């Protein structure tokens, strides 16, 4: 395999999409374009603006073909999305927004056919967070469109198909709470036969595999004169995880923060997972099951910012001792539908006349307590590596360190998804030493106990 010098990565998150070019020698992003990942309302249901994303991707690649150039292409996207293609390779149905809620009768019908958690390690989630629920909804509500469907793809591989013409599926997306995969067996679950879609599922390829060169017409359109290999692609949280799997011995945990806070217990087991608390098995790029948990922490942070104003991390950190003493608390959930405390609605405790800095301190404590709970549910052991936006929040990091009582490492950079996707091309991960979070002087034990007692009332 020829190791590339520069890699272009399509990185499509739930909120934003970006195309970056990474320098393989340093691991640094040397060029970047960003665009919102818009959801279009209306019929037949809320769906992603695929045409706008495609236009954005082609323009970014065209710009980067001129400067700084790239030698390979890799892909990472959010999970919980499947794409239905017709015989011509077009969309048989728009790509459904996984936050869309289905009619009650369809939801009930799906619950009667989904496989048990003990087989799929996929919890029952809201909307279309279970891809099997999406496909059941589409088949039930739009049978004619399903009849036109010839191929079903996982989402990163849809973009690989647009670039190469090769249809594929891949295990990190199939194993991401879809109900369609058996992590222990490494095979499709019985649901694919119940839905009658086994023959529609594209062949499963390794995330590391080169699906093919960039299609000649696309290469010409963006101004490339050499063949560019396109790699199969990977689910974004597993892209973040991949860099840590290379050269690090388990057990350890990874807290990947973005729209979601995804927690991985590397070296953990699947035997004690509680499906009622948003825990599951993810499947890593090598096909191995990894106990995981999550809550929508990034989205909650955005909502809190809209209400409280911008966070001053240093001011929030300084306010934590007063907040602990006063017992000012934020209880879950800021946003519903996921996380370790299902069915709860947020509540402020002892917040009369609380300042913005004090509310933010309580909010950072809340996010840390949610993370600690999620790590406990999956039996995470060893050091905890925090990456993404929360790795730059000292109030959150020190609260997490105090709660866990073991090493917390803040990793540099805004996200590991692009870097992880770049590893699929065969490069070695760039060494970026993290920063060990200093243990705070304040004691959080009584505050944590009181927070959990409030949740039991």
Protein backbone atom coordinates (compact mmCIF):
# COMPACT_ATOMS: atom_id res chain seq x y z
CA UNK A 1 0.00 0.00 0.00
CA UNK A 2 1.26 3.46 -0.90
CA UNK A 3 1.05 5.72 2.14
CA UNK A 4 -0.43 9.10 1.21
CA UNK A 5 1.16 12.39 2.17
CA UNK A 6 -2.13 14.32 2.43
CA UNK A 7 -5.63 12.98 3.01
CA UNK A 8 -8.96 14.67 2.36
CA UNK A 9 -11.67 13.65 4.83
CA UNK A 10 -15.42 14.11 4.50
CA UNK A 11 -16.64 14.54 8.08
CA UNK A 12 -20.44 14.85 8.25
CA UNK A 13 -21.74 15.37 11.77
CA UNK A 14 -25.32 15.75 12.88
CA UNK A 15 -25.03 19.53 13.20
CA UNK A 16 -22.22 20.48 10.85
CA UNK A 17 -20.31 19.01 7.93
CA UNK A 18 -16.72 19.67 7.07
CA UNK A 19 -14.10 18.66 4.54
CA UNK A 20 -10.53 18.81 5.76
CA UNK A 21 -7.08 17.97 4.46
CA UNK A 22 -4.66 16.38 6.92
CA UNK A 23 -0.89 16.36 6.68
CA UNK A 24 0.04 12.73 7.35
CA UNK A 25 3.43 13.60 8.82
CA UNK A 26 2.00 15.80 11.57
CA UNK A 27 -1.67 14.78 11.79
CA UNK A 28 -2.58 18.46 11.55
CA UNK A 29 -5.55 19.77 9.59
CA UNK A 30 -3.96 22.07 7.02
CA UNK A 31 -7.16 23.06 5.19
CA UNK A 32 -10.82 23.09 6.14
CA UNK A 33 -14.25 24.01 4.84
CA UNK A 34 -17.42 23.88 6.97
CA UNK A 35 -21.14 23.97 6.26
CA UNK A 36 -24.30 23.39 8.31
CA UNK A 37 -25.95 20.00 7.99
CA UNK A 38 -29.47 21.25 7.38
CA UNK A 39 -32.65 19.29 7.96
CA UNK A 40 -35.42 20.11 5.49
CA UNK A 41 -39.00 20.09 6.82
CA UNK A 42 -42.04 18.92 4.95
CA UNK A 43 -42.96 15.83 3.00
CA UNK A 44 -42.45 12.97 3.20
CA UNK A 45 -40.69 13.60 6.55
CA UNK A 46 -37.85 15.79 7.88
CA UNK A 47 -34.73 14.86 5.91
CA UNK A 48 -31.15 15.91 5.34
CA UNK A 49 -30.37 18.33 2.54
CA UNK A 50 -28.28 15.84 0.61
CA UNK A 51 -28.07 18.01 -2.50
CA UNK A 52 -26.61 20.92 -0.51
CA UNK A 53 -24.11 18.61 1.19
CA UNK A 54 -23.01 17.15 -2.14
CA UNK A 55 -22.52 20.61 -3.63
CA UNK A 56 -20.51 21.63 -0.58
CA UNK A 57 -18.34 18.48 -0.76
CA UNK A 58 -17.56 18.93 -4.47
CA UNK A 59 -16.70 22.61 -4.03
CA UNK A 60 -14.42 21.89 -1.08
CA UNK A 61 -12.64 19.07 -2.91
CA UNK A 62 -12.27 21.31 -5.97
CA UNK A 63 -10.67 24.02 -3.84
CA UNK A 64 -8.36 21.53 -2.14
CA UNK A 65 -7.36 19.88 -5.41
CA UNK A 66 -5.67 23.17 -6.29
CA UNK A 67 -4.17 23.85 -2.87
CA UNK A 68 -2.96 22.07 -0.74
CA UNK A 69 -3.75 18.93 -2.80
CA UNK A 70 -4.51 15.43 -1.49
CA UNK A 71 -3.58 11.83 -2.31
CA UNK A 72 -6.46 9.85 -0.76
CA UNK A 73 -10.00 10.32 0.46
CA UNK A 74 -11.68 8.98 3.60
CA UNK A 75 -15.13 9.45 5.09
CA UNK A 76 -16.77 9.62 8.50
CA UNK A 77 -20.37 10.51 9.36
CA UNK A 78 -22.84 10.42 12.21
CA UNK A 79 -24.68 7.18 12.81
CA UNK A 80 -28.37 6.25 12.91
CA UNK A 81 -28.89 6.80 9.19
CA UNK A 82 -29.51 4.45 6.30
CA UNK A 83 -29.84 5.34 2.63
CA UNK A 84 -32.24 3.64 0.22
CA UNK A 85 -31.17 3.62 -3.43
CA UNK A 86 -33.26 2.83 -6.49
CA UNK A 87 -32.12 0.89 -9.55
CA UNK A 88 -30.41 3.98 -11.01
CA UNK A 89 -28.47 4.70 -7.82
CA UNK A 90 -30.66 7.66 -6.86
CA UNK A 91 -32.53 8.11 -3.59
CA UNK A 92 -35.63 5.92 -3.39
CA UNK A 93 -36.60 8.06 -0.37
CA UNK A 94 -34.99 11.12 1.23
CA UNK A 95 -32.44 10.40 3.96
CA UNK A 96 -34.53 10.57 7.11
CA UNK A 97 -33.57 12.75 10.09
CA UNK A 98 -33.21 10.32 12.97
CA UNK A 99 -34.87 12.75 15.40
CA UNK A 100 -38.21 12.43 13.58
CA UNK A 101 -40.88 10.75 15.73
CA UNK A 102 -43.11 8.17 14.07
CA UNK A 103 -46.85 7.59 14.63
CA UNK A 104 -47.65 5.63 17.77
CA UNK A 105 -49.11 2.63 15.91
CA UNK A 106 -45.91 2.26 13.86
CA UNK A 107 -43.74 2.53 16.97
CA UNK A 108 -45.78 -0.16 18.74
CA UNK A 109 -45.62 -2.45 15.73
CA UNK A 110 -41.85 -2.11 15.57
CA UNK A 111 -41.43 -2.96 19.25
CA UNK A 112 -43.14 -6.27 18.58
CA UNK A 113 -40.58 -7.32 15.95
CA UNK A 114 -37.24 -5.90 17.13
CA UNK A 115 -34.75 -8.48 18.43
CA UNK A 116 -33.89 -8.60 22.14
CA UNK A 117 -31.09 -6.52 23.62
CA UNK A 118 -29.32 -9.72 24.71
CA UNK A 119 -28.66 -10.45 21.03
CA UNK A 120 -28.08 -7.03 19.46
CA UNK A 121 -26.90 -5.03 22.51
CA UNK A 122 -28.93 -2.22 20.95
CA UNK A 123 -31.33 -0.39 23.30
CA UNK A 124 -34.76 0.80 22.25
CA UNK A 125 -34.32 4.48 21.39
CA UNK A 126 -36.53 7.36 20.36
CA UNK A 127 -37.34 8.37 16.79
CA UNK A 128 -35.07 6.74 14.26
CA UNK A 129 -32.03 6.30 16.48
CA UNK A 130 -32.54 2.58 15.84
CA UNK A 131 -31.98 2.27 12.09
CA UNK A 132 -34.22 -0.79 12.11
CA UNK A 133 -37.05 1.47 13.29
CA UNK A 134 -36.36 3.85 10.39
CA UNK A 135 -36.53 1.04 7.85
CA UNK A 136 -39.71 -0.35 9.41
CA UNK A 137 -41.30 3.11 9.31
CA UNK A 138 -40.30 3.65 5.69
CA UNK A 139 -41.54 0.21 4.69
CA UNK A 140 -44.84 0.69 6.55
CA UNK A 141 -45.58 4.27 5.52
CA UNK A 142 -44.07 4.25 2.01
CA UNK A 143 -44.37 0.71 0.63
CA UNK A 144 -44.13 1.82 -3.00
CA UNK A 145 -40.80 3.51 -2.34
CA UNK A 146 -39.53 0.39 -0.61
CA UNK A 147 -40.60 -1.63 -3.63
CA UNK A 148 -38.36 0.59 -5.77
CA UNK A 149 -35.40 0.15 -3.44
CA UNK A 150 -32.57 -1.99 -4.78
CA UNK A 151 -29.78 -1.22 -2.30
CA UNK A 152 -29.56 -0.15 1.35
CA UNK A 153 -26.37 1.56 2.55
CA UNK A 154 -25.05 2.79 5.85
CA UNK A 155 -24.46 6.54 5.80
CA UNK A 156 -20.64 6.90 5.45
CA UNK A 157 -20.78 4.33 2.68
CA UNK A 158 -23.46 6.28 0.83
CA UNK A 159 -20.95 9.09 0.36
CA UNK A 160 -18.34 6.53 -0.68
CA UNK A 161 -20.85 5.27 -3.24
CA UNK A 162 -21.39 8.78 -4.59
CA UNK A 163 -17.62 9.12 -5.01
CA UNK A 164 -16.76 5.65 -6.36
CA UNK A 165 -19.94 4.00 -7.61
CA UNK A 166 -19.26 1.02 -5.29
CA UNK A 167 -22.05 0.06 -2.86
CA UNK A 168 -20.94 -1.13 0.58
CA UNK A 169 -21.94 -1.42 4.21
CA UNK A 170 -19.57 -1.39 7.19
CA UNK A 171 -19.70 -2.75 10.74
CA UNK A 172 -19.14 0.41 12.81
CA UNK A 173 -22.37 1.87 11.41
CA UNK A 174 -24.22 -1.47 11.38
CA UNK A 175 -23.22 -2.00 15.02
CA UNK A 176 -24.29 1.46 16.18
CA UNK A 177 -27.66 0.70 17.93
CA UNK A 178 -29.32 -0.28 14.65
CA UNK A 179 -31.03 -3.52 15.83
CA UNK A 180 -29.68 -4.97 12.56
CA UNK A 181 -26.39 -6.46 13.84
CA UNK A 182 -25.24 -9.15 16.26
CA UNK A 183 -21.96 -7.84 17.73
CA UNK A 184 -20.82 -11.12 19.25
CA UNK A 185 -21.46 -13.11 16.07
CA UNK A 186 -20.42 -10.40 13.60
CA UNK A 187 -23.52 -11.03 11.48
CA UNK A 188 -26.88 -9.53 10.61
CA UNK A 189 -29.67 -9.95 13.16
CA UNK A 190 -32.93 -11.73 12.33
CA UNK A 191 -34.54 -8.30 11.84
CA UNK A 192 -33.19 -8.05 8.30
CA UNK A 193 -35.25 -11.12 7.39
CA UNK A 194 -38.29 -9.93 9.34
CA UNK A 195 -38.18 -6.70 7.33
CA UNK A 196 -37.45 -8.61 4.12
CA UNK A 197 -34.36 -6.56 3.30
CA UNK A 198 -31.47 -9.03 3.46
CA UNK A 199 -31.08 -9.08 -0.32
CA UNK A 200 -31.08 -5.27 -0.38
CA UNK A 201 -28.21 -4.84 2.06
CA UNK A 202 -25.00 -3.93 0.25
CA UNK A 203 -21.97 -6.20 0.85
CA UNK A 204 -20.10 -5.60 4.10
CA UNK A 205 -16.59 -4.21 3.62
CA UNK A 206 -13.85 -3.32 6.10
CA UNK A 207 -13.62 0.34 7.06
CA UNK A 208 -9.97 0.18 6.00
CA UNK A 209 -10.72 -1.11 2.51
CA UNK A 210 -10.20 0.97 -0.60
CA UNK A 211 -13.52 0.77 -2.42
CA UNK A 212 -12.10 2.21 -5.61
CA UNK A 213 -10.70 5.31 -7.21
CA UNK A 214 -12.67 8.52 -7.42
CA UNK A 215 -15.05 8.27 -10.37
CA UNK A 216 -13.47 9.78 -13.50
CA UNK A 217 -16.30 12.27 -14.01
CA UNK A 218 -16.01 13.56 -10.45
CA UNK A 219 -12.21 13.67 -10.64
CA UNK A 220 -12.47 15.78 -13.78
CA UNK A 221 -15.12 18.02 -12.25
CA UNK A 222 -12.96 18.89 -9.25
CA UNK A 223 -9.80 19.24 -11.31
CA UNK A 224 -7.79 16.13 -10.39
CA UNK A 225 -5.38 14.60 -12.87
CA UNK A 226 -4.35 11.51 -10.86
CA UNK A 227 -6.26 8.56 -9.43
CA UNK A 228 -7.43 9.15 -5.86
CA UNK A 229 -8.26 6.08 -3.73
CA UNK A 230 -11.44 6.35 -1.68
CA UNK A 231 -11.65 4.36 1.55
CA UNK A 232 -14.83 2.71 2.77
CA UNK A 233 -15.43 5.01 5.74
CA UNK A 234 -16.42 4.78 9.39
CA UNK A 235 -19.00 5.90 11.94
CA UNK A 236 -17.79 9.11 13.59
CA UNK A 237 -17.57 8.01 17.22
CA UNK A 238 -15.66 4.92 16.14
CA UNK A 239 -13.37 7.14 14.09
CA UNK A 240 -12.57 9.01 17.29
CA UNK A 241 -11.98 5.72 19.08
CA UNK A 242 -9.69 4.28 16.42
CA UNK A 243 -6.64 6.42 17.17
CA UNK A 244 -6.71 5.23 20.79
CA UNK A 245 -6.91 1.56 19.83
CA UNK A 246 -3.55 1.82 18.06
CA UNK A 247 -0.72 1.40 20.56
CA UNK A 248 -2.67 1.72 23.84
CA UNK A 249 -3.33 -1.25 26.08
CA UNK A 250 -6.76 -1.70 27.72
CA UNK A 251 -8.46 -1.06 30.01
CA UNK A 252 -9.13 2.58 29.38
CA UNK A 253 -12.11 4.76 28.53
CA UNK A 254 -12.70 7.34 25.84
CA UNK A 255 -15.20 10.20 26.25
CA UNK A 256 -15.86 11.57 22.78
CA UNK A 257 -17.74 14.87 22.96
CA UNK A 258 -19.71 16.55 20.21
CA UNK A 259 -23.47 16.73 19.67
CA UNK A 260 -23.38 13.46 21.63
CA UNK A 261 -21.12 12.51 24.51
CA UNK A 262 -20.17 8.94 23.61
CA UNK A 263 -18.35 6.87 26.22
CA UNK A 264 -16.35 3.75 25.36
CA UNK A 265 -15.08 1.18 27.87
CA UNK A 266 -12.20 -0.40 25.96
CA UNK A 267 -11.45 -3.78 27.46
CA UNK A 268 -14.88 -3.97 29.09
CA UNK A 269 -17.44 -6.76 28.80
CA UNK A 270 -21.05 -6.89 27.67
CA UNK A 271 -22.53 -8.92 30.50
CA UNK A 272 -23.92 -6.18 32.76
CA UNK A 273 -25.36 -3.60 30.38
CA UNK A 274 -28.78 -2.13 31.23
CA UNK A 275 -30.79 -1.49 28.04
CA UNK A 276 -33.09 0.93 29.88
CA UNK A 277 -30.28 3.43 30.44
CA UNK A 278 -28.98 4.08 26.92
CA UNK A 279 -26.08 1.68 27.03
CA UNK A 280 -25.13 -0.54 24.13
CA UNK A 281 -22.32 -2.27 22.35
CA UNK A 282 -20.64 -0.30 19.64
CA UNK A 283 -18.52 -2.21 17.13
CA UNK A 284 -15.04 -0.87 16.48
CA UNK A 285 -13.22 -0.67 13.15
CA UNK A 286 -11.78 -4.15 13.71
CA UNK A 287 -15.23 -5.64 14.27
CA UNK A 288 -14.95 -5.98 18.06
CA UNK A 289 -17.79 -5.15 20.46
CA UNK A 290 -17.07 -2.23 22.84
CA UNK A 291 -19.41 -1.43 25.77
CA UNK A 292 -20.68 2.11 25.27
CA UNK A 293 -23.01 4.69 26.76
CA UNK A 294 -24.11 8.16 25.81
CA UNK A 295 -26.15 11.26 26.37
CA UNK A 296 -26.76 14.27 24.16
CA UNK A 297 -24.35 16.47 26.07
CA UNK A 298 -23.28 18.73 23.21
CA UNK A 299 -26.86 19.50 22.29
CA UNK A 300 -27.60 20.19 25.95
CA UNK A 301 -24.62 22.56 26.09
CA UNK A 302 -25.98 24.43 23.06
CA UNK A 303 -29.40 24.75 24.71
CA UNK A 304 -27.84 26.01 27.95
CA UNK A 305 -25.77 28.54 26.01
CA UNK A 306 -28.92 29.86 24.36
CA UNK A 307 -30.51 30.31 27.79
CA UNK A 308 -27.57 31.42 29.95
CA UNK A 309 -25.32 33.12 27.43
CA UNK A 310 -21.74 32.15 26.57
CA UNK A 311 -19.78 30.10 29.07
CA UNK A 312 -16.75 31.62 30.77
CA UNK A 313 -14.90 28.39 31.69
CA UNK A 314 -12.53 30.04 34.16
CA UNK A 315 -15.39 31.89 35.90
CA UNK A 316 -17.44 28.69 36.09
CA UNK A 317 -14.45 26.82 37.54
CA UNK A 318 -13.93 29.50 40.17
CA UNK A 319 -17.63 29.32 41.11
CA UNK A 320 -17.72 25.57 41.68
CA UNK A 321 -16.80 25.61 45.41
CA UNK A 322 -19.64 28.07 46.12
CA UNK A 323 -22.07 26.03 44.04
CA UNK A 324 -21.13 22.85 45.91
CA UNK A 325 -21.56 24.60 49.28
CA UNK A 326 -24.93 26.08 48.31
CA UNK A 327 -26.18 22.85 46.70
CA UNK A 328 -27.09 24.57 43.42
CA UNK A 329 -27.85 21.73 41.01
CA UNK A 330 -29.13 20.98 37.57
CA UNK A 331 -30.92 17.63 37.30
CA UNK A 332 -31.46 15.71 34.03
CA UNK A 333 -32.52 15.96 31.33
CA UNK A 334 -31.91 19.19 29.45
CA UNK A 335 -32.90 17.35 26.28
CA UNK A 336 -34.99 14.19 26.40
CA UNK A 337 -35.05 10.97 24.47
CA UNK A 338 -31.67 9.55 25.44
CA UNK A 339 -29.18 9.20 28.24
CA UNK A 340 -28.91 7.30 31.54
CA UNK A 341 -32.01 8.88 33.16
CA UNK A 342 -34.83 8.31 30.68
CA UNK A 343 -38.12 10.05 31.22
CA UNK A 344 -36.82 12.77 33.52
CA UNK A 345 -37.21 16.47 32.83
CA UNK A 346 -34.61 18.97 33.92
CA UNK A 347 -34.92 20.79 37.19
CA UNK A 348 -32.86 23.48 38.90
CA UNK A 349 -32.33 23.04 42.65
CA UNK A 350 -31.45 25.91 45.03
CA UNK A 351 -31.13 28.35 42.15
CA UNK A 352 -32.86 31.41 43.62
CA UNK A 353 -30.82 34.51 42.74
CA UNK A 354 -28.08 32.35 41.23
CA UNK A 355 -25.72 34.27 38.97
CA UNK A 356 -24.94 33.19 35.42
CA UNK A 357 -21.46 32.00 36.44
CA UNK A 358 -22.94 29.93 39.25
CA UNK A 359 -25.54 28.41 36.92
CA UNK A 360 -22.80 27.56 34.45
CA UNK A 361 -20.76 25.97 37.24
CA UNK A 362 -23.76 23.81 38.14
CA UNK A 363 -24.25 22.98 34.47
CA UNK A 364 -20.62 21.84 34.15
CA UNK A 365 -21.05 19.74 37.28
CA UNK A 366 -24.21 18.28 35.71
CA UNK A 367 -22.34 17.33 32.52
CA UNK A 368 -19.57 15.73 34.57
CA UNK A 369 -22.06 13.81 36.72
CA UNK A 370 -23.83 12.54 33.61
CA UNK A 371 -20.48 11.42 32.17
CA UNK A 372 -19.48 9.69 35.41
CA UNK A 373 -22.83 7.89 35.48
CA UNK A 374 -22.41 6.77 31.87
CA UNK A 375 -18.89 5.46 32.55
CA UNK A 376 -20.11 3.55 35.59
CA UNK A 377 -22.90 1.90 33.63
CA UNK A 378 -20.39 0.34 31.20
CA UNK A 379 -17.84 -0.68 33.83
CA UNK A 380 -15.15 1.64 32.48
CA UNK A 381 -11.75 1.21 34.10
CA UNK A 382 -8.37 2.83 33.75
CA UNK A 383 -7.53 6.33 32.55
CA UNK A 384 -10.25 8.42 30.92
CA UNK A 385 -9.40 10.24 27.69
CA UNK A 386 -11.62 13.24 26.90
CA UNK A 387 -11.67 14.59 23.37
CA UNK A 388 -13.73 17.10 21.46
CA UNK A 389 -15.12 20.45 22.68
CA UNK A 390 -15.46 19.42 26.35
CA UNK A 391 -11.69 18.77 26.49
CA UNK A 392 -11.23 22.55 26.58
CA UNK A 393 -13.65 23.13 29.48
CA UNK A 394 -11.66 23.16 32.76
CA UNK A 395 -14.77 23.25 34.95
CA UNK A 396 -16.12 20.07 33.37
CA UNK A 397 -12.70 18.36 33.36
CA UNK A 398 -11.85 19.07 36.98
CA UNK A 399 -15.33 18.06 38.11
CA UNK A 400 -14.95 14.78 36.21
CA UNK A 401 -11.52 14.20 37.74
CA UNK A 402 -12.91 14.79 41.21
CA UNK A 403 -15.84 12.44 40.61
CA UNK A 404 -13.80 9.59 39.15
CA UNK A 405 -10.77 9.79 41.43
CA UNK A 406 -8.48 8.56 38.65
CA UNK A 407 -6.52 10.00 35.75
CA UNK A 408 -8.42 12.18 33.31
CA UNK A 409 -6.54 13.24 30.18
CA UNK A 410 -7.70 16.15 28.01
CA UNK A 411 -6.72 15.60 24.39
CA UNK A 412 -5.94 18.55 22.12
CA UNK A 413 -7.95 19.46 19.05
CA UNK A 414 -11.63 20.04 18.51
CA UNK A 415 -12.52 16.53 17.36
CA UNK A 416 -10.84 13.21 16.65
CA UNK A 417 -13.23 12.13 13.94
CA UNK A 418 -11.29 13.45 10.96
CA UNK A 419 -7.98 12.17 12.30
CA UNK A 420 -9.52 8.76 12.98
CA UNK A 421 -10.97 8.53 9.49
CA UNK A 422 -7.55 9.40 8.07
CA UNK A 423 -6.07 6.34 9.82
CA UNK A 424 -8.12 4.13 7.51
CA UNK A 425 -5.63 4.95 4.74
CA UNK A 426 -2.78 3.18 6.53
CA UNK A 427 -0.98 6.12 8.12
CA UNK A 428 0.26 5.99 11.70
CA UNK A 429 -1.50 8.17 14.27
CA UNK A 430 0.31 11.41 15.02
CA UNK A 431 1.44 11.54 18.61
CA UNK A 432 -0.40 14.33 20.40
CA UNK A 433 0.20 14.03 24.11
CA UNK A 434 -2.77 14.92 26.20
CA UNK A 435 -2.84 17.06 29.30
CA UNK A 436 -3.46 15.33 32.63
CA UNK A 437 -6.23 17.23 34.37
CA UNK A 438 -5.16 18.47 37.81
CA UNK A 439 -7.17 17.14 40.72
CA UNK A 440 -9.18 19.96 42.34
CA UNK A 441 -8.88 20.85 46.00
CA UNK A 442 -12.63 20.86 46.60
CA UNK A 443 -14.54 17.75 47.68
CA UNK A 444 -17.49 16.71 45.56
CA UNK A 445 -18.63 13.54 47.36
CA UNK A 446 -21.54 15.02 49.33
CA UNK A 447 -22.75 16.98 46.30
CA UNK A 448 -22.73 13.83 44.16
CA UNK A 449 -24.65 11.90 46.81
CA UNK A 450 -27.26 14.65 47.06
CA UNK A 451 -27.59 14.84 43.25
CA UNK A 452 -28.29 11.12 42.98
CA UNK A 453 -30.68 11.18 45.97
CA UNK A 454 -32.69 13.89 44.21
CA UNK A 455 -33.04 11.58 41.22
CA UNK A 456 -34.42 8.79 43.36
CA UNK A 457 -37.30 10.87 44.73
